[in-house]
Every structure is written in structure tokens, then in C-alpha cells.
Amino acid sequence: MTKFFNKWTRIIHRWFALPTLILIPLAVFAKFSGTGEHLPPQVEQIQSLLMLLLAISGGYLYLVPYIAKKKRAKRKKPKVTATQG
């Protein structure tokens, strides 16, 4: 289940990155251009939502190797058995 979730999180993260990659430069250009044209507020809301989703999925993807390492260490931990001696 974890591999499935990791795979789909990566795919979703990549697909959220594409429109964000287009919207951010577009918004910056529209804001700082001298023409006075501004993007509608819905674009800014979508941009904020995409950034939030990217931050959540990116944070998870950043932590995946550490979580896996911890699980691996737990599995390989030797079992201590009581011996009579």
C-alpha cells in the first residue's frame, strides 16, 4: 500500500507542478508589467491552492526516505531472547 501511495503522490505532485509553473511567472509578469492589467482573483486563489497542495505533497515526498529507513531498521532489529545459563 505504501508503494502505491508513494507512486501516486509523485504523479499528482508532478501534475500540480505544471500549472503552477505556468501560473506563477504569468502572475508575476502581469503584476509588474506597466500596462496595468491584473489577473482575476480566481487565478490567485487557484495559484494559492496549487502551492498548498505542492507543499503538502512535497513535504511527504521529502520524508518518505526517512520513514522507509526507520521501518527498515525496525524490521532488521534482532529479537532478544532470554537464554538460560
C-alpha atoms as a PDB file:
ATOM      1  CA  MET A   1       0.000   0.000   0.000  1.00  0.00           C
ATOM      2  CA  THR A   2       2.845   2.385   0.809  1.00  0.00           C
ATOM      3  CA  LYS A   3       4.484   1.960  -2.611  1.00  0.00           C
ATOM      4  CA  PHE A   4       1.146   2.590  -4.287  1.00  0.00           C
ATOM      5  CA  PHE A   5       0.619   5.774  -2.242  1.00  0.00           C
ATOM      6  CA  ASN A   6       4.176   6.977  -2.905  1.00  0.00           C
ATOM      7  CA  LYS A   7       3.786   6.402  -6.649  1.00  0.00           C
ATOM      8  CA  TRP A   8       0.524   8.310  -6.907  1.00  0.00           C
ATOM      9  CA  THR A   9       1.756  11.121  -4.678  1.00  0.00           C
ATOM     10  CA  ARG A  10       4.707  11.617  -7.050  1.00  0.00           C
ATOM     11  CA  ILE A  11       2.438  11.607 -10.096  1.00  0.00           C
ATOM     12  CA  ILE A  12      -0.009  14.074  -8.552  1.00  0.00           C
ATOM     13  CA  HIS A  13       2.856  16.288  -7.376  1.00  0.00           C
ATOM     14  CA  ARG A  14       4.240  16.445 -10.924  1.00  0.00           C
ATOM     15  CA  TRP A  15       0.862  17.287 -12.443  1.00  0.00           C
ATOM     16  CA  PHE A  16       0.263  20.057  -9.882  1.00  0.00           C
ATOM     17  CA  ALA A  17       3.702  21.456 -10.661  1.00  0.00           C
ATOM     18  CA  LEU A  18       2.923  22.034 -14.356  1.00  0.00           C
ATOM     19  CA  PRO A  19       0.080  24.558 -13.990  1.00  0.00           C
ATOM     20  CA  THR A  20       1.894  26.178 -11.069  1.00  0.00           C
ATOM     21  CA  LEU A  21       4.954  26.571 -13.253  1.00  0.00           C
ATOM     22  CA  ILE A  22       2.807  28.419 -15.787  1.00  0.00           C
ATOM     23  CA  LEU A  23       0.706  30.491 -13.370  1.00  0.00           C
ATOM     24  CA  ILE A  24       3.458  31.931 -11.182  1.00  0.00           C
ATOM     25  CA  PRO A  25       5.505  33.626 -13.947  1.00  0.00           C
ATOM     26  CA  LEU A  26       2.258  34.757 -15.588  1.00  0.00           C
ATOM     27  CA  ALA A  27       1.085  36.358 -12.335  1.00  0.00           C
ATOM     28  CA  VAL A  28       4.453  37.997 -11.701  1.00  0.00           C
ATOM     29  CA  PHE A  29       4.580  39.364 -15.239  1.00  0.00           C
ATOM     30  CA  ALA A  30       1.005  40.683 -15.009  1.00  0.00           C
ATOM     31  CA  LYS A  31       1.665  42.298 -11.643  1.00  0.00           C
ATOM     32  CA  PHE A  32       4.880  44.075 -12.581  1.00  0.00           C
ATOM     33  CA  SER A  33       4.094  44.997 -16.171  1.00  0.00           C
ATOM     34  CA  GLY A  34       3.360  48.648 -16.744  1.00  0.00           C
ATOM     35  CA  THR A  35       0.138  48.028 -18.656  1.00  0.00           C
ATOM     36  CA  GLY A  36      -1.978  47.953 -15.503  1.00  0.00           C
ATOM     37  CA  GLU A  37      -3.674  44.678 -16.410  1.00  0.00           C
ATOM     38  CA  HIS A  38      -4.247  42.340 -13.498  1.00  0.00           C
ATOM     39  CA  LEU A  39      -5.250  38.727 -13.321  1.00  0.00           C
ATOM     40  CA  PRO A  40      -8.663  37.878 -11.906  1.00  0.00           C
ATOM     41  CA  PRO A  41      -8.717  36.940  -8.208  1.00  0.00           C
ATOM     42  CA  GLN A  42      -9.711  33.371  -9.110  1.00  0.00           C
ATOM     43  CA  VAL A  43      -6.299  32.854 -10.693  1.00  0.00           C
ATOM     44  CA  GLU A  44      -4.620  33.911  -7.465  1.00  0.00           C
ATOM     45  CA  GLN A  45      -6.849  31.555  -5.489  1.00  0.00           C
ATOM     46  CA  ILE A  46      -6.037  28.654  -7.794  1.00  0.00           C
ATOM     47  CA  GLN A  47      -2.361  29.527  -7.574  1.00  0.00           C
ATOM     48  CA  SER A  48      -2.522  29.537  -3.762  1.00  0.00           C
ATOM     49  CA  LEU A  49      -4.349  26.203  -3.694  1.00  0.00           C
ATOM     50  CA  LEU A  50      -1.804  24.638  -6.048  1.00  0.00           C
ATOM     51  CA  MET A  51       1.061  25.918  -3.901  1.00  0.00           C
ATOM     52  CA  LEU A  52      -0.563  24.453  -0.786  1.00  0.00           C
ATOM     53  CA  LEU A  53      -1.021  21.064  -2.460  1.00  0.00           C
ATOM     54  CA  LEU A  54       2.566  21.157  -3.729  1.00  0.00           C
ATOM     55  CA  ALA A  55       3.832  21.962  -0.241  1.00  0.00           C
ATOM     56  CA  ILE A  56       1.887  19.086   1.333  1.00  0.00           C
ATOM     57  CA  SER A  57       2.839  16.501  -1.281  1.00  0.00           C
ATOM     58  CA  GLY A  58       6.420  17.779  -1.441  1.00  0.00           C
ATOM     59  CA  GLY A  59       6.765  17.563   2.328  1.00  0.00           C
ATOM     60  CA  TYR A  60       5.520  13.990   2.262  1.00  0.00           C
ATOM     61  CA  LEU A  61       7.870  13.059  -0.583  1.00  0.00           C
ATOM     62  CA  TYR A  62      10.744  14.647   1.316  1.00  0.00           C
ATOM     63  CA  LEU A  63      10.015  12.495   4.383  1.00  0.00           C
ATOM     64  CA  VAL A  64       9.452   9.189   2.524  1.00  0.00           C
ATOM     65  CA  PRO A  65      13.122   8.050   2.606  1.00  0.00           C
ATOM     66  CA  TYR A  66      13.376   8.758   6.333  1.00  0.00           C
ATOM     67  CA  ILE A  67      10.146   6.890   7.060  1.00  0.00           C
ATOM     68  CA  ALA A  68      11.312   3.915   4.984  1.00  0.00           C
ATOM     69  CA  LYS A  69      14.697   3.885   6.715  1.00  0.00           C
ATOM     70  CA  LYS A  70      13.018   3.831  10.114  1.00  0.00           C
ATOM     71  CA  LYS A  71      10.723   0.957   9.087  1.00  0.00           C
ATOM     72  CA  ARG A  72      13.661  -0.982   7.652  1.00  0.00           C
ATOM     73  CA  ALA A  73      15.641  -0.557  10.862  1.00  0.00           C
ATOM     74  CA  LYS A  74      12.684  -1.815  12.887  1.00  0.00           C
ATOM     75  CA  ARG A  75      12.386  -4.940  10.746  1.00  0.00           C
ATOM     76  CA  LYS A  76      16.096  -5.766  10.932  1.00  0.00           C
ATOM     77  CA  LYS A  77      16.332  -5.212  14.671  1.00  0.00           C
ATOM     78  CA  PRO A  78      17.424  -8.526  16.240  1.00  0.00           C
ATOM     79  CA  LYS A  79      14.983 -10.153  18.578  1.00  0.00           C
ATOM     80  CA  VAL A  80      16.352 -10.521  22.083  1.00  0.00           C
ATOM     81  CA  THR A  81      15.585 -13.884  23.581  1.00  0.00           C
ATOM     82  CA  ALA A  82      16.187 -14.945  27.136  1.00  0.00           C
ATOM     83  CA  THR A  83      18.688 -17.777  27.444  1.00  0.00           C
ATOM     84  CA  GLN A  84      19.307 -19.847  30.496  1.00  0.00           C
ATOM     85  CA  GLY A  85      22.887 -20.029  31.504  1.00  0.00           C
END
